[in-house]
Amino acid sequence: MFFQGLIGMILGMLVMIFRARIKDVIGDIGFAERYLGAGGTWTFLLLVGVLIFILSLMWALGTLQEFFFKAAGPMFGL
C-alpha cells in the first residue's frame, strides 16, 4: 500500500507541476470557469493535484483506510 500511495503522491505533484500542459491538452473546463471564476481551470487542476497528493499520503500512511472503516464500517457490520 505504501508504494501505491507513493505513486499517487508523485502523480499529484506532476498534475500540479504540469497543469499548464494539461490545460493545453484538455482546454477550458466549463463548470470550473463558471463556478471558480476567471482562471477556474487553473485553480481546478491545482485543487485536483493537491487532493490526489493528500489522499495518496493518507493511503500510504493507512489513515484513509482507518477513516473509511470508522465512517462506513458500522453500516456494513464491520
PDB file of N, CA and C in Angstrom:
ATOM      1  N   MET A   1       0.814  -1.188   0.000  1.00  0.00           N
ATOM      2  CA  MET A   1       0.000   0.000   0.000  1.00  0.00           C
ATOM      3  C   MET A   1       0.861   1.256   0.000  1.00  0.00           C
ATOM      4  N   PHE A   2       2.023   1.164   0.617  1.00  0.00           N
ATOM      5  CA  PHE A   2       2.885   2.339   0.681  1.00  0.00           C
ATOM      6  C   PHE A   2       3.314   2.777  -0.713  1.00  0.00           C
ATOM      7  N   PHE A   3       3.654   1.813  -1.570  1.00  0.00           N
ATOM      8  CA  PHE A   3       4.129   2.166  -2.905  1.00  0.00           C
ATOM      9  C   PHE A   3       3.007   2.728  -3.767  1.00  0.00           C
ATOM     10  N   GLN A   4       1.772   2.245  -3.577  1.00  0.00           N
ATOM     11  CA  GLN A   4       0.637   2.823  -4.292  1.00  0.00           C
ATOM     12  C   GLN A   4       0.440   4.278  -3.884  1.00  0.00           C
ATOM     13  N   GLY A   5       0.559   4.543  -2.595  1.00  0.00           N
ATOM     14  CA  GLY A   5       0.450   5.915  -2.113  1.00  0.00           C
ATOM     15  C   GLY A   5       1.570   6.787  -2.635  1.00  0.00           C
ATOM     16  N   LEU A   6       2.773   6.229  -2.704  1.00  0.00           N
ATOM     17  CA  LEU A   6       3.919   6.971  -3.224  1.00  0.00           C
ATOM     18  C   LEU A   6       3.712   7.327  -4.692  1.00  0.00           C
ATOM     19  N   ILE A   7       3.202   6.387  -5.459  1.00  0.00           N
ATOM     20  CA  ILE A   7       2.913   6.649  -6.871  1.00  0.00           C
ATOM     21  C   ILE A   7       1.839   7.724  -6.997  1.00  0.00           C
ATOM     22  N   GLY A   8       0.819   7.662  -6.149  1.00  0.00           N
ATOM     23  CA  GLY A   8      -0.226   8.680  -6.164  1.00  0.00           C
ATOM     24  C   GLY A   8       0.299  10.058  -5.803  1.00  0.00           C
ATOM     25  N   MET A   9       1.206  10.125  -4.822  1.00  0.00           N
ATOM     26  CA  MET A   9       1.791  11.417  -4.454  1.00  0.00           C
ATOM     27  C   MET A   9       2.598  11.996  -5.615  1.00  0.00           C
ATOM     28  N   ILE A  10       3.335  11.139  -6.303  1.00  0.00           N
ATOM     29  CA  ILE A  10       4.097  11.597  -7.470  1.00  0.00           C
ATOM     30  C   ILE A  10       3.145  12.086  -8.552  1.00  0.00           C
ATOM     31  N   LEU A  11       2.050  11.361  -8.770  1.00  0.00           N
ATOM     32  CA  LEU A  11       1.059  11.773  -9.762  1.00  0.00           C
ATOM     33  C   LEU A  11       0.449  13.126  -9.398  1.00  0.00           C
ATOM     34  N   GLY A  12       0.123  13.322  -8.125  1.00  0.00           N
ATOM     35  CA  GLY A  12      -0.418  14.603  -7.685  1.00  0.00           C
ATOM     36  C   GLY A  12       0.556  15.745  -7.915  1.00  0.00           C
ATOM     37  N   MET A  13       1.833  15.502  -7.626  1.00  0.00           N
ATOM     38  CA  MET A  13       2.849  16.533  -7.868  1.00  0.00           C
ATOM     39  C   MET A  13       2.978  16.833  -9.361  1.00  0.00           C
ATOM     40  N   LEU A  14       2.910  15.790 -10.191  1.00  0.00           N
ATOM     41  CA  LEU A  14       3.006  16.006 -11.634  1.00  0.00           C
ATOM     42  C   LEU A  14       1.826  16.814 -12.155  1.00  0.00           C
ATOM     43  N   VAL A  15       0.634  16.573 -11.625  1.00  0.00           N
ATOM     44  CA  VAL A  15      -0.536  17.366 -12.025  1.00  0.00           C
ATOM     45  C   VAL A  15      -0.327  18.827 -11.654  1.00  0.00           C
ATOM     46  N   MET A  16       0.213  19.079 -10.457  1.00  0.00           N
ATOM     47  CA  MET A  16       0.447  20.463 -10.037  1.00  0.00           C
ATOM     48  C   MET A  16       1.554  21.122 -10.858  1.00  0.00           C
ATOM     49  N   ILE A  17       2.599  20.385 -11.181  1.00  0.00           N
ATOM     50  CA  ILE A  17       3.727  20.958 -11.919  1.00  0.00           C
ATOM     51  C   ILE A  17       3.372  21.200 -13.386  1.00  0.00           C
ATOM     52  N   PHE A  18       2.707  20.242 -14.013  1.00  0.00           N
ATOM     53  CA  PHE A  18       2.428  20.320 -15.448  1.00  0.00           C
ATOM     54  C   PHE A  18       0.991  20.718 -15.747  1.00  0.00           C
ATOM     55  N   ARG A  19       0.364  21.513 -14.885  1.00  0.00           N
ATOM     56  CA  ARG A  19      -1.027  21.892 -15.118  1.00  0.00           C
ATOM     57  C   ARG A  19      -1.179  22.762 -16.363  1.00  0.00           C
ATOM     58  N   ALA A  20      -0.153  23.496 -16.745  1.00  0.00           N
ATOM     59  CA  ALA A  20      -0.232  24.304 -17.973  1.00  0.00           C
ATOM     60  C   ALA A  20      -0.338  23.400 -19.199  1.00  0.00           C
ATOM     61  N   ARG A  21       0.468  22.363 -19.236  1.00  0.00           N
ATOM     62  CA  ARG A  21       0.409  21.433 -20.372  1.00  0.00           C
ATOM     63  C   ARG A  21      -0.898  20.652 -20.370  1.00  0.00           C
ATOM     64  N   ILE A  22      -1.370  20.286 -19.183  1.00  0.00           N
ATOM     65  CA  ILE A  22      -2.645  19.566 -19.090  1.00  0.00           C
ATOM     66  C   ILE A  22      -3.766  20.450 -19.607  1.00  0.00           C
ATOM     67  N   LYS A  23      -3.739  21.740 -19.229  1.00  0.00           N
ATOM     68  CA  LYS A  23      -4.773  22.670 -19.688  1.00  0.00           C
ATOM     69  C   LYS A  23      -4.713  22.844 -21.200  1.00  0.00           C
ATOM     70  N   ASP A  24      -3.513  22.878 -21.770  1.00  0.00           N
ATOM     71  CA  ASP A  24      -3.385  22.990 -23.223  1.00  0.00           C
ATOM     72  C   ASP A  24      -4.008  21.791 -23.930  1.00  0.00           C
ATOM     73  N   VAL A  25      -3.907  20.614 -23.323  1.00  0.00           N
ATOM     74  CA  VAL A  25      -4.448  19.400 -23.937  1.00  0.00           C
ATOM     75  C   VAL A  25      -5.964  19.340 -23.784  1.00  0.00           C
ATOM     76  N   ILE A  26      -6.478  19.632 -22.573  1.00  0.00           N
ATOM     77  CA  ILE A  26      -7.913  19.455 -22.330  1.00  0.00           C
ATOM     78  C   ILE A  26      -8.727  20.718 -22.560  1.00  0.00           C
ATOM     79  N   GLY A  27      -8.086  21.879 -22.615  1.00  0.00           N
ATOM     80  CA  GLY A  27      -8.810  23.131 -22.819  1.00  0.00           C
ATOM     81  C   GLY A  27      -9.471  23.605 -21.537  1.00  0.00           C
ATOM     82  N   ASP A  28     -10.369  24.581 -21.689  1.00  0.00           N
ATOM     83  CA  ASP A  28     -11.076  25.112 -20.526  1.00  0.00           C
ATOM     84  C   ASP A  28     -12.118  24.117 -20.040  1.00  0.00           C
ATOM     85  N   ILE A  29     -12.261  24.040 -18.727  1.00  0.00           N
ATOM     86  CA  ILE A  29     -13.287  23.201 -18.118  1.00  0.00           C
ATOM     87  C   ILE A  29     -14.452  24.125 -17.788  1.00  0.00           C
ATOM     88  N   GLY A  30     -15.589  23.898 -18.420  1.00  0.00           N
ATOM     89  CA  GLY A  30     -16.718  24.813 -18.334  1.00  0.00           C
ATOM     90  C   GLY A  30     -17.197  25.106 -16.929  1.00  0.00           C
ATOM     91  N   PHE A  31     -17.470  24.059 -16.146  1.00  0.00           N
ATOM     92  CA  PHE A  31     -18.001  24.299 -14.805  1.00  0.00           C
ATOM     93  C   PHE A  31     -16.974  24.965 -13.905  1.00  0.00           C
ATOM     94  N   ALA A  32     -15.690  24.692 -14.132  1.00  0.00           N
ATOM     95  CA  ALA A  32     -14.651  25.325 -13.315  1.00  0.00           C
ATOM     96  C   ALA A  32     -14.572  26.814 -13.627  1.00  0.00           C
ATOM     97  N   GLU A  33     -14.662  27.169 -14.888  1.00  0.00           N
ATOM     98  CA  GLU A  33     -14.641  28.582 -15.263  1.00  0.00           C
ATOM     99  C   GLU A  33     -15.884  29.296 -14.743  1.00  0.00           C
ATOM    100  N   ARG A  34     -16.996  28.588 -14.723  1.00  0.00           N
ATOM    101  CA  ARG A  34     -18.254  29.206 -14.279  1.00  0.00           C
ATOM    102  C   ARG A  34     -18.269  29.424 -12.771  1.00  0.00           C
ATOM    103  N   TYR A  35     -17.907  28.395 -12.006  1.00  0.00           N
ATOM    104  CA  TYR A  35     -18.055  28.469 -10.554  1.00  0.00           C
ATOM    105  C   TYR A  35     -16.810  28.981  -9.832  1.00  0.00           C
ATOM    106  N   LEU A  36     -15.645  28.847 -10.427  1.00  0.00           N
ATOM    107  CA  LEU A  36     -14.421  29.317  -9.786  1.00  0.00           C
ATOM    108  C   LEU A  36     -13.950  30.649 -10.354  1.00  0.00           C
ATOM    109  N   GLY A  37     -14.663  31.182 -11.328  1.00  0.00           N
ATOM    110  CA  GLY A  37     -14.320  32.479 -11.897  1.00  0.00           C
ATOM    111  C   GLY A  37     -13.248  32.373 -12.967  1.00  0.00           C
ATOM    112  N   ALA A  38     -12.707  33.531 -13.322  1.00  0.00           N
ATOM    113  CA  ALA A  38     -11.661  33.568 -14.345  1.00  0.00           C
ATOM    114  C   ALA A  38     -10.448  32.779 -13.854  1.00  0.00           C
ATOM    115  N   GLY A  39      -9.902  31.979 -14.735  1.00  0.00           N
ATOM    116  CA  GLY A  39      -8.783  31.122 -14.334  1.00  0.00           C
ATOM    117  C   GLY A  39      -9.235  29.913 -13.539  1.00  0.00           C
ATOM    118  N   GLY A  40     -10.496  29.571 -13.649  1.00  0.00           N
ATOM    119  CA  GLY A  40     -11.047  28.460 -12.879  1.00  0.00           C
ATOM    120  C   GLY A  40     -10.446  27.117 -13.235  1.00  0.00           C
ATOM    121  N   THR A  41     -10.073  26.944 -14.502  1.00  0.00           N
ATOM    122  CA  THR A  41      -9.463  25.684 -14.915  1.00  0.00           C
ATOM    123  C   THR A  41      -8.118  25.496 -14.228  1.00  0.00           C
ATOM    124  N   TRP A  42      -7.336  26.577 -14.138  1.00  0.00           N
ATOM    125  CA  TRP A  42      -6.041  26.510 -13.453  1.00  0.00           C
ATOM    126  C   TRP A  42      -6.244  26.146 -11.985  1.00  0.00           C
ATOM    127  N   THR A  43      -7.205  26.796 -11.354  1.00  0.00           N
ATOM    128  CA  THR A  43      -7.485  26.534  -9.939  1.00  0.00           C
ATOM    129  C   THR A  43      -7.977  25.109  -9.742  1.00  0.00           C
ATOM    130  N   PHE A  44      -8.855  24.648 -10.632  1.00  0.00           N
ATOM    131  CA  PHE A  44      -9.391  23.294 -10.526  1.00  0.00           C
ATOM    132  C   PHE A  44      -8.285  22.256 -10.655  1.00  0.00           C
ATOM    133  N   LEU A  45      -7.384  22.435 -11.610  1.00  0.00           N
ATOM    134  CA  LEU A  45      -6.287  21.481 -11.775  1.00  0.00           C
ATOM    135  C   LEU A  45      -5.368  21.485 -10.560  1.00  0.00           C
ATOM    136  N   LEU A  46      -5.138  22.652  -9.984  1.00  0.00           N
ATOM    137  CA  LEU A  46      -4.329  22.730  -8.770  1.00  0.00           C
ATOM    138  C   LEU A  46      -5.018  22.007  -7.617  1.00  0.00           C
ATOM    139  N   LEU A  47      -6.328  22.214  -7.467  1.00  0.00           N
ATOM    140  CA  LEU A  47      -7.072  21.539  -6.400  1.00  0.00           C
ATOM    141  C   LEU A  47      -7.080  20.026  -6.593  1.00  0.00           C
ATOM    142  N   VAL A  48      -7.211  19.578  -7.837  1.00  0.00           N
ATOM    143  CA  VAL A  48      -7.177  18.138  -8.121  1.00  0.00           C
ATOM    144  C   VAL A  48      -5.813  17.562  -7.753  1.00  0.00           C
ATOM    145  N   GLY A  49      -4.746  18.252  -8.114  1.00  0.00           N
ATOM    146  CA  GLY A  49      -3.400  17.787  -7.771  1.00  0.00           C
ATOM    147  C   GLY A  49      -3.179  17.709  -6.275  1.00  0.00           C
ATOM    148  N   VAL A  50      -3.627  18.732  -5.543  1.00  0.00           N
ATOM    149  CA  VAL A  50      -3.481  18.735  -4.082  1.00  0.00           C
ATOM    150  C   VAL A  50      -4.311  17.621  -3.466  1.00  0.00           C
ATOM    151  N   LEU A  51      -5.537  17.431  -3.963  1.00  0.00           N
ATOM    152  CA  LEU A  51      -6.407  16.376  -3.429  1.00  0.00           C
ATOM    153  C   LEU A  51      -5.811  14.989  -3.676  1.00  0.00           C
ATOM    154  N   ILE A  52      -5.289  14.757  -4.871  1.00  0.00           N
ATOM    155  CA  ILE A  52      -4.640  13.475  -5.168  1.00  0.00           C
ATOM    156  C   ILE A  52      -3.459  13.255  -4.236  1.00  0.00           C
ATOM    157  N   PHE A  53      -2.653  14.299  -4.023  1.00  0.00           N
ATOM    158  CA  PHE A  53      -1.482  14.177  -3.163  1.00  0.00           C
ATOM    159  C   PHE A  53      -1.890  13.852  -1.726  1.00  0.00           C
ATOM    160  N   ILE A  54      -2.860  14.580  -1.184  1.00  0.00           N
ATOM    161  CA  ILE A  54      -3.271  14.373   0.210  1.00  0.00           C
ATOM    162  C   ILE A  54      -3.902  12.998   0.404  1.00  0.00           C
ATOM    163  N   LEU A  55      -4.788  12.597  -0.505  1.00  0.00           N
ATOM    164  CA  LEU A  55      -5.419  11.279  -0.377  1.00  0.00           C
ATOM    165  C   LEU A  55      -4.395  10.155  -0.533  1.00  0.00           C
ATOM    166  N   SER A  56      -3.414  10.340  -1.406  1.00  0.00           N
ATOM    167  CA  SER A  56      -2.367   9.326  -1.567  1.00  0.00           C
ATOM    168  C   SER A  56      -1.486   9.242  -0.334  1.00  0.00           C
ATOM    169  N   LEU A  57      -1.188  10.378   0.270  1.00  0.00           N
ATOM    170  CA  LEU A  57      -0.422  10.380   1.512  1.00  0.00           C
ATOM    171  C   LEU A  57      -1.193   9.663   2.616  1.00  0.00           C
ATOM    172  N   MET A  58      -2.485   9.939   2.705  1.00  0.00           N
ATOM    173  CA  MET A  58      -3.315   9.251   3.698  1.00  0.00           C
ATOM    174  C   MET A  58      -3.354   7.751   3.422  1.00  0.00           C
ATOM    175  N   TRP A  59      -3.422   7.365   2.146  1.00  0.00           N
ATOM    176  CA  TRP A  59      -3.437   5.946   1.784  1.00  0.00           C
ATOM    177  C   TRP A  59      -2.128   5.275   2.192  1.00  0.00           C
ATOM    178  N   ALA A  60      -1.006   5.950   1.920  1.00  0.00           N
ATOM    179  CA  ALA A  60       0.302   5.375   2.237  1.00  0.00           C
ATOM    180  C   ALA A  60       0.482   5.191   3.737  1.00  0.00           C
ATOM    181  N   LEU A  61      -0.070   6.086   4.533  1.00  0.00           N
ATOM    182  CA  LEU A  61       0.075   6.004   5.984  1.00  0.00           C
ATOM    183  C   LEU A  61      -1.025   5.177   6.651  1.00  0.00           C
ATOM    184  N   GLY A  62      -2.032   4.775   5.880  1.00  0.00           N
ATOM    185  CA  GLY A  62      -3.101   3.946   6.419  1.00  0.00           C
ATOM    186  C   GLY A  62      -4.236   4.719   7.061  1.00  0.00           C
ATOM    187  N   THR A  63      -4.171   6.035   7.063  1.00  0.00           N
ATOM    188  CA  THR A  63      -5.226   6.814   7.711  1.00  0.00           C
ATOM    189  C   THR A  63      -6.499   6.862   6.881  1.00  0.00           C
ATOM    190  N   LEU A  64      -6.395   6.759   5.567  1.00  0.00           N
ATOM    191  CA  LEU A  64      -7.587   6.768   4.720  1.00  0.00           C
ATOM    192  C   LEU A  64      -8.420   5.514   4.958  1.00  0.00           C
ATOM    193  N   GLN A  65      -7.754   4.364   5.046  1.00  0.00           N
ATOM    194  CA  GLN A  65      -8.467   3.127   5.308  1.00  0.00           C
ATOM    195  C   GLN A  65      -9.127   3.174   6.685  1.00  0.00           C
ATOM    196  N   GLU A  66      -8.403   3.683   7.667  1.00  0.00           N
ATOM    197  CA  GLU A  66      -8.938   3.780   9.023  1.00  0.00           C
ATOM    198  C   GLU A  66     -10.162   4.688   9.053  1.00  0.00           C
ATOM    199  N   PHE A  67     -10.107   5.796   8.320  1.00  0.00           N
ATOM    200  CA  PHE A  67     -11.243   6.709   8.255  1.00  0.00           C
ATOM    201  C   PHE A  67     -12.460   6.014   7.658  1.00  0.00           C
ATOM    202  N   PHE A  68     -12.265   5.278   6.556  1.00  0.00           N
ATOM    203  CA  PHE A  68     -13.392   4.601   5.927  1.00  0.00           C
ATOM    204  C   PHE A  68     -13.958   3.499   6.814  1.00  0.00           C
ATOM    205  N   PHE A  69     -13.111   2.779   7.534  1.00  0.00           N
ATOM    206  CA  PHE A  69     -13.611   1.746   8.437  1.00  0.00           C
ATOM    207  C   PHE A  69     -14.413   2.352   9.575  1.00  0.00           C
ATOM    208  N   LYS A  70     -13.959   3.499  10.094  1.00  0.00           N
ATOM    209  CA  LYS A  70     -14.688   4.152  11.186  1.00  0.00           C
ATOM    210  C   LYS A  70     -15.992   4.753  10.689  1.00  0.00           C
ATOM    211  N   ALA A  71     -15.981   5.347   9.498  1.00  0.00           N
ATOM    212  CA  ALA A  71     -17.159   6.044   8.986  1.00  0.00           C
ATOM    213  C   ALA A  71     -18.185   5.083   8.388  1.00  0.00           C
ATOM    214  N   ALA A  72     -17.737   4.146   7.568  1.00  0.00           N
ATOM    215  CA  ALA A  72     -18.662   3.281   6.842  1.00  0.00           C
ATOM    216  C   ALA A  72     -18.751   1.881   7.421  1.00  0.00           C
ATOM    217  N   GLY A  73     -17.847   1.514   8.306  1.00  0.00           N
ATOM    218  CA  GLY A  73     -17.844   0.169   8.869  1.00  0.00           C
ATOM    219  C   GLY A  73     -19.134  -0.224   9.560  1.00  0.00           C
ATOM    220  N   PRO A  74     -19.697   0.634  10.419  1.00  0.00           N
ATOM    221  CA  PRO A  74     -20.942   0.261  11.091  1.00  0.00           C
ATOM    222  C   PRO A  74     -22.112   0.032  10.133  1.00  0.00           C
ATOM    223  N   MET A  75     -22.095   0.674   8.979  1.00  0.00           N
ATOM    224  CA  MET A  75     -23.183   0.482   8.015  1.00  0.00           C
ATOM    225  C   MET A  75     -23.127  -0.900   7.381  1.00  0.00           C
ATOM    226  N   PHE A  76     -21.947  -1.504   7.359  1.00  0.00           N
ATOM    227  CA  PHE A  76     -21.770  -2.803   6.728  1.00  0.00           C
ATOM    228  C   PHE A  76     -21.442  -3.899   7.728  1.00  0.00           C
ATOM    229  N   GLY A  77     -21.568  -3.607   8.996  1.00  0.00           N
ATOM    230  CA  GLY A  77     -21.333  -4.601  10.029  1.00  0.00           C
ATOM    231  C   GLY A  77     -19.869  -4.924  10.250  1.00  0.00           C
ATOM    232  N   LEU A  78     -18.991  -4.002   9.989  1.00  0.00           N
ATOM    233  CA  LEU A  78     -17.554  -4.245  10.184  1.00  0.00           C
ATOM    234  C   LEU A  78     -17.096  -3.716  11.515  1.00  0.00           C
TER     235      LEU A  78
END
